[in-house]
Amino acid sequence: MDRPRSPSRPPNGGWYRSDFCRPLTAAQIRDRRFRSVRRGLDPVEVHAFLHRVAAELAATRRDLVLVAEESARIKRVLGSWQSRFAPSRRW
């Protein structure tokens, strides 16, 4: 049987908020620290993994910017070409 969810705690643990929150940055991932718990995870391993995730996030965001710039450039060139070479409609 499914346990009923506690109304005081959101189902996502409170980590994900509304769409108005800014996305995580690579620096936020790198700098994130977790509290120590008995028999917890290896902090060095967690830290290394967070750095890897942050690096991949930073690279993905750089690629996204490059793709958006290339898309805008292609749209400009296509619009220019169409205005010069496409037959104009004369009614």
C-alpha atoms as a PDB file:
ATOM      1  CA  MET A   1       0.000   0.000   0.000  1.00  0.00           C
ATOM      2  CA  ASP A   2       1.119   3.537  -0.696  1.00  0.00           C
ATOM      3  CA  ARG A   3       1.837   5.670   2.305  1.00  0.00           C
ATOM      4  CA  PRO A   4       0.040   8.993   2.407  1.00  0.00           C
ATOM      5  CA  ARG A   5       2.343  11.950   1.911  1.00  0.00           C
ATOM      6  CA  SER A   6       2.939  14.301   4.763  1.00  0.00           C
ATOM      7  CA  PRO A   7       1.264  17.656   4.062  1.00  0.00           C
ATOM      8  CA  SER A   8       4.109  19.544   5.782  1.00  0.00           C
ATOM      9  CA  ARG A   9       6.785  18.288   3.391  1.00  0.00           C
ATOM     10  CA  PRO A  10       6.525  18.625  -0.386  1.00  0.00           C
ATOM     11  CA  PRO A  11       6.914  15.405  -2.403  1.00  0.00           C
ATOM     12  CA  ASN A  12      10.166  16.669  -3.919  1.00  0.00           C
ATOM     13  CA  GLY A  13      11.768  17.426  -0.561  1.00  0.00           C
ATOM     14  CA  GLY A  14      11.615  21.135  -1.249  1.00  0.00           C
ATOM     15  CA  TRP A  15      14.514  21.100  -3.721  1.00  0.00           C
ATOM     16  CA  TYR A  16      12.618  22.014  -6.861  1.00  0.00           C
ATOM     17  CA  ARG A  17      10.623  25.183  -6.787  1.00  0.00           C
ATOM     18  CA  SER A  18       8.481  27.040  -9.269  1.00  0.00           C
ATOM     19  CA  ASP A  19       9.503  27.882 -12.817  1.00  0.00           C
ATOM     20  CA  PHE A  20      10.455  31.367 -11.640  1.00  0.00           C
ATOM     21  CA  CYS A  21      13.582  30.124  -9.868  1.00  0.00           C
ATOM     22  CA  ARG A  22      16.811  30.554 -11.712  1.00  0.00           C
ATOM     23  CA  PRO A  23      18.498  27.370 -12.971  1.00  0.00           C
ATOM     24  CA  LEU A  24      21.460  25.945 -11.125  1.00  0.00           C
ATOM     25  CA  THR A  25      24.861  27.227 -12.084  1.00  0.00           C
ATOM     26  CA  ALA A  26      28.058  25.223 -12.277  1.00  0.00           C
ATOM     27  CA  ALA A  27      29.418  27.202  -9.319  1.00  0.00           C
ATOM     28  CA  GLN A  28      26.386  26.313  -7.181  1.00  0.00           C
ATOM     29  CA  ILE A  29      26.993  22.637  -7.888  1.00  0.00           C
ATOM     30  CA  ARG A  30      30.731  22.871  -7.168  1.00  0.00           C
ATOM     31  CA  ASP A  31      30.208  24.783  -3.926  1.00  0.00           C
ATOM     32  CA  ARG A  32      27.378  22.629  -2.559  1.00  0.00           C
ATOM     33  CA  ARG A  33      28.168  21.084   0.792  1.00  0.00           C
ATOM     34  CA  PHE A  34      26.198  18.372   2.536  1.00  0.00           C
ATOM     35  CA  ARG A  35      25.932  17.817   6.240  1.00  0.00           C
ATOM     36  CA  SER A  36      27.884  14.924   7.647  1.00  0.00           C
ATOM     37  CA  VAL A  37      25.961  11.922   8.790  1.00  0.00           C
ATOM     38  CA  ARG A  38      27.017   8.773  10.465  1.00  0.00           C
ATOM     39  CA  ARG A  39      27.880   6.138   7.890  1.00  0.00           C
ATOM     40  CA  GLY A  40      27.278   8.689   5.158  1.00  0.00           C
ATOM     41  CA  LEU A  41      28.768   8.913   1.716  1.00  0.00           C
ATOM     42  CA  ASP A  42      32.454   9.535   1.090  1.00  0.00           C
ATOM     43  CA  PRO A  43      32.770  13.341   0.951  1.00  0.00           C
ATOM     44  CA  VAL A  44      35.727  13.203  -1.437  1.00  0.00           C
ATOM     45  CA  GLU A  45      33.782  11.032  -3.869  1.00  0.00           C
ATOM     46  CA  VAL A  46      30.702  13.266  -3.655  1.00  0.00           C
ATOM     47  CA  HIS A  47      32.849  16.366  -4.179  1.00  0.00           C
ATOM     48  CA  ALA A  48      34.538  14.830  -7.250  1.00  0.00           C
ATOM     49  CA  PHE A  49      31.181  13.855  -8.715  1.00  0.00           C
ATOM     50  CA  LEU A  50      29.732  17.337  -8.152  1.00  0.00           C
ATOM     51  CA  HIS A  51      32.723  18.864  -9.934  1.00  0.00           C
ATOM     52  CA  ARG A  52      32.184  16.522 -12.863  1.00  0.00           C
ATOM     53  CA  VAL A  53      28.481  17.412 -13.060  1.00  0.00           C
ATOM     54  CA  ALA A  54      29.312  21.130 -12.808  1.00  0.00           C
ATOM     55  CA  ALA A  55      31.845  20.880 -15.643  1.00  0.00           C
ATOM     56  CA  GLU A  56      29.353  19.085 -17.871  1.00  0.00           C
ATOM     57  CA  LEU A  57      26.658  21.661 -17.050  1.00  0.00           C
ATOM     58  CA  ALA A  58      29.023  24.528 -17.896  1.00  0.00           C
ATOM     59  CA  ALA A  59      29.992  22.882 -21.201  1.00  0.00           C
ATOM     60  CA  THR A  60      26.337  22.265 -22.079  1.00  0.00           C
ATOM     61  CA  ARG A  61      25.439  25.882 -21.402  1.00  0.00           C
ATOM     62  CA  ARG A  62      28.359  27.091 -23.562  1.00  0.00           C
ATOM     63  CA  ASP A  63      27.182  24.799 -26.362  1.00  0.00           C
ATOM     64  CA  LEU A  64      23.637  26.088 -26.006  1.00  0.00           C
ATOM     65  CA  VAL A  65      24.810  29.684 -26.416  1.00  0.00           C
ATOM     66  CA  LEU A  66      26.847  28.748 -29.510  1.00  0.00           C
ATOM     67  CA  VAL A  67      23.894  26.904 -31.060  1.00  0.00           C
ATOM     68  CA  ALA A  68      21.555  29.842 -30.405  1.00  0.00           C
ATOM     69  CA  GLU A  69      24.043  32.255 -31.989  1.00  0.00           C
ATOM     70  CA  GLU A  70      24.475  29.990 -35.014  1.00  0.00           C
ATOM     71  CA  SER A  71      20.707  29.652 -35.386  1.00  0.00           C
ATOM     72  CA  ALA A  72      20.263  33.431 -35.315  1.00  0.00           C
ATOM     73  CA  ARG A  73      23.048  33.843 -37.899  1.00  0.00           C
ATOM     74  CA  ILE A  74      21.480  31.245 -40.215  1.00  0.00           C
ATOM     75  CA  LYS A  75      18.067  32.929 -39.917  1.00  0.00           C
ATOM     76  CA  ARG A  76      19.599  36.314 -40.817  1.00  0.00           C
ATOM     77  CA  VAL A  77      21.433  34.879 -43.825  1.00  0.00           C
ATOM     78  CA  LEU A  78      18.359  32.996 -45.014  1.00  0.00           C
ATOM     79  CA  GLY A  79      16.196  36.099 -44.672  1.00  0.00           C
ATOM     80  CA  SER A  80      18.730  38.117 -46.641  1.00  0.00           C
ATOM     81  CA  TRP A  81      18.939  35.465 -49.343  1.00  0.00           C
ATOM     82  CA  GLN A  82      15.160  35.203 -49.597  1.00  0.00           C
ATOM     83  CA  SER A  83      14.776  38.955 -49.939  1.00  0.00           C
ATOM     84  CA  ARG A  84      17.306  39.022 -52.803  1.00  0.00           C
ATOM     85  CA  PHE A  85      16.531  35.834 -54.735  1.00  0.00           C
ATOM     86  CA  ALA A  86      13.023  34.668 -53.918  1.00  0.00           C
ATOM     87  CA  PRO A  87      10.450  35.710 -56.461  1.00  0.00           C
ATOM     88  CA  SER A  88       8.378  38.573 -55.191  1.00  0.00           C
ATOM     89  CA  ARG A  89       4.632  38.231 -55.147  1.00  0.00           C
ATOM     90  CA  ARG A  90       2.918  40.710 -57.371  1.00  0.00           C
ATOM     91  CA  TRP A  91      -0.853  40.717 -57.242  1.00  0.00           C
END
